[in-house]
Amino acid sequence: MPVSPMTLHLSFPFPHRLVHACALATAALLAHAGASQAAPAPAPAAPAALKGDAVAGKAAFRKCASCHQVGPSARGGFGPSLTGVIGRKAGATTDYKYSAAMQNANLVWTEPTLAAFLKAPSDVVPGNKMRFWGIGNAQQVADLLAYLRTQ
């Protein structure tokens, strides 16, 4: 279906010349690309992984420390010990009583899995008993993972 500049309509105020110029440019691009058989746009490249800072991660871990411990003498309490969590099967430590959801999750805590869990725990393991909304800041998640790698 041919597109003419007159069929394009913008519902917000723009100077008339700018609207007309944009409409003409859009029509020309659509005509050039063969709008009726245009190939789908390529998927955007995945963002580069953020580089975490273990020192900043240690500071960010303070919000986790009310429930979790790390280090040589860490043990389960209100939450499981997070020492050596990267590479560990979920629900596997013996000194913590996990929810059935976590015990049956059948996942290994890789960095991508942990990152997703830290962002939205209930999305990764629905029914888990961790009372935490998640961390929306991707850099803070990367920092926490960098810190956990040292533990």
Protein backbone atom coordinates (compact mmCIF):
# COMPACT_ATOMS: atom_id res chain seq x y z
CA MET A 1 0.00 0.00 0.00
CA PRO A 2 1.63 3.30 -1.00
CA VAL A 3 2.08 5.81 1.77
CA SER A 4 1.60 9.46 1.03
CA PRO A 5 2.70 12.25 3.34
CA MET A 6 -0.92 13.18 3.78
CA THR A 7 -1.80 9.83 5.43
CA LEU A 8 0.70 10.35 8.23
CA HIS A 9 -0.81 12.19 11.14
CA LEU A 10 0.77 13.38 14.36
CA SER A 11 -1.54 14.23 17.22
CA PHE A 12 0.74 16.65 19.01
CA PRO A 13 1.75 20.17 18.05
CA PHE A 14 4.70 20.49 15.71
CA PRO A 15 5.56 23.25 13.31
CA HIS A 16 3.78 22.40 10.05
CA ARG A 17 6.98 22.36 7.97
CA LEU A 18 8.66 19.90 10.34
CA VAL A 19 5.67 17.55 10.23
CA HIS A 20 5.59 17.74 6.45
CA ALA A 21 9.36 17.12 6.20
CA CYS A 22 9.14 14.14 8.57
CA ALA A 23 6.19 12.72 6.67
CA LEU A 24 8.02 13.04 3.35
CA ALA A 25 11.15 11.42 4.76
CA THR A 26 9.14 8.57 6.28
CA ALA A 27 7.25 7.99 3.05
CA ALA A 28 10.51 7.96 1.08
CA LEU A 29 12.09 5.47 3.48
CA LEU A 30 9.07 3.20 3.40
CA ALA A 31 8.95 3.32 -0.39
CA HIS A 32 12.67 2.59 -0.64
CA ALA A 33 12.49 -0.33 1.78
CA GLY A 34 9.47 -1.85 0.05
CA ALA A 35 7.14 -1.34 2.98
CA SER A 36 4.86 -4.23 2.07
CA GLN A 37 7.74 -6.71 2.20
CA ALA A 38 10.12 -5.03 4.62
CA ALA A 39 12.41 -7.37 6.51
CA PRO A 40 12.10 -7.25 10.26
CA ALA A 41 14.56 -5.00 12.01
CA PRO A 42 17.55 -6.80 13.50
CA ALA A 43 17.37 -7.44 17.22
CA PRO A 44 19.24 -4.87 19.27
CA ALA A 45 22.59 -5.99 20.53
CA ALA A 46 22.61 -7.18 24.11
CA PRO A 47 24.06 -4.60 26.48
CA ALA A 48 27.58 -5.28 27.59
CA ALA A 49 27.82 -6.97 30.95
CA LEU A 50 28.44 -4.50 33.72
CA LYS A 51 31.75 -4.78 35.49
CA GLY A 52 31.16 -5.22 39.19
CA ASP A 53 33.19 -3.66 41.97
CA ALA A 54 33.71 -6.00 44.95
CA VAL A 55 34.32 -3.09 47.35
CA ALA A 56 31.03 -1.48 46.36
CA GLY A 57 29.44 -4.93 46.53
CA LYS A 58 30.62 -5.38 50.10
CA ALA A 59 28.93 -2.09 51.00
CA ALA A 60 25.76 -3.14 49.15
CA PHE A 61 25.81 -6.48 50.98
CA ARG A 62 24.89 -4.65 54.20
CA LYS A 63 21.24 -4.86 53.16
CA CYS A 64 21.65 -8.63 52.79
CA ALA A 65 23.58 -9.09 56.03
CA SER A 66 20.49 -8.83 58.22
CA CYS A 67 19.53 -12.30 56.92
CA HIS A 68 22.64 -13.75 55.22
CA GLN A 69 26.24 -14.35 56.25
CA VAL A 70 29.40 -14.82 54.20
CA GLY A 71 32.92 -15.85 55.11
CA PRO A 72 34.67 -18.82 56.71
CA SER A 73 32.48 -18.87 59.84
CA ALA A 74 29.18 -18.09 58.06
CA ARG A 75 26.18 -20.21 58.85
CA GLY A 76 22.51 -20.23 58.07
CA GLY A 77 20.23 -18.10 60.21
CA PHE A 78 17.22 -16.16 59.01
CA GLY A 79 18.59 -16.86 55.51
CA PRO A 80 21.15 -19.35 54.19
CA SER A 81 24.87 -18.68 54.16
CA LEU A 82 25.98 -17.16 50.87
CA THR A 83 29.62 -18.29 51.09
CA GLY A 84 30.38 -20.13 47.86
CA VAL A 85 26.89 -19.52 46.50
CA ILE A 86 28.07 -19.10 42.88
CA GLY A 87 28.04 -22.58 41.35
CA ARG A 88 26.01 -24.09 44.19
CA LYS A 89 22.68 -25.88 43.68
CA ALA A 90 19.75 -23.86 45.04
CA GLY A 91 18.43 -25.13 48.37
CA ALA A 92 21.54 -27.23 49.03
CA THR A 93 23.05 -25.99 52.31
CA THR A 94 22.29 -28.20 55.28
CA ASP A 95 22.12 -25.50 57.96
CA TYR A 96 19.03 -23.73 56.63
CA LYS A 97 15.40 -24.85 56.18
CA TYR A 98 14.48 -23.86 52.62
CA SER A 99 10.97 -23.42 51.24
CA ALA A 100 9.62 -26.28 49.15
CA ALA A 101 9.79 -23.94 46.14
CA MET A 102 13.53 -23.41 46.61
CA GLN A 103 14.20 -27.09 47.32
CA ASN A 104 12.37 -28.04 44.12
CA ALA A 105 13.74 -25.19 41.97
CA ASN A 106 16.31 -27.47 40.33
CA LEU A 107 18.68 -24.65 39.47
CA VAL A 108 22.31 -23.84 40.05
CA TRP A 109 23.28 -20.34 41.18
CA THR A 110 25.19 -19.12 38.16
CA GLU A 111 25.91 -15.40 37.90
CA PRO A 112 23.08 -14.81 35.39
CA THR A 113 20.64 -16.77 37.58
CA LEU A 114 21.74 -14.91 40.71
CA ALA A 115 21.47 -11.58 38.88
CA ALA A 116 17.90 -12.40 37.84
CA PHE A 117 17.06 -13.58 41.38
CA LEU A 118 18.51 -10.44 42.97
CA LYS A 119 16.43 -8.34 40.58
CA ALA A 120 13.14 -10.21 41.14
CA PRO A 121 13.33 -13.18 43.54
CA SER A 122 9.70 -14.25 43.15
CA ASP A 123 9.96 -14.26 39.36
CA VAL A 124 12.90 -16.70 39.41
CA VAL A 125 11.63 -18.96 42.21
CA PRO A 126 7.91 -18.37 42.78
CA GLY A 127 6.92 -19.29 46.32
CA ASN A 128 10.37 -18.83 47.86
CA LYS A 129 10.35 -17.45 51.39
CA MET A 130 12.85 -14.62 50.93
CA ARG A 131 11.05 -11.40 51.88
CA PHE A 132 12.88 -9.06 49.56
CA TRP A 133 11.45 -7.08 46.66
CA GLY A 134 14.62 -7.14 44.61
CA ILE A 135 17.29 -4.74 43.41
CA GLY A 136 16.43 -2.68 40.34
CA ASN A 137 19.90 -1.15 39.97
CA ALA A 138 21.90 -3.35 37.54
CA GLN A 139 25.23 -1.88 38.67
CA GLN A 140 24.47 -2.72 42.30
CA VAL A 141 23.62 -6.30 41.27
CA ALA A 142 26.94 -6.52 39.36
CA ASP A 143 28.76 -5.17 42.44
CA LEU A 144 27.09 -7.74 44.71
CA LEU A 145 28.06 -10.55 42.34
CA ALA A 146 31.66 -9.29 42.28
CA TYR A 147 31.66 -9.36 46.09
CA LEU A 148 30.10 -12.82 46.27
CA ARG A 149 32.80 -14.13 43.91
CA THR A 150 35.32 -13.25 46.63
CA GLN A 151 33.47 -15.23 49.29
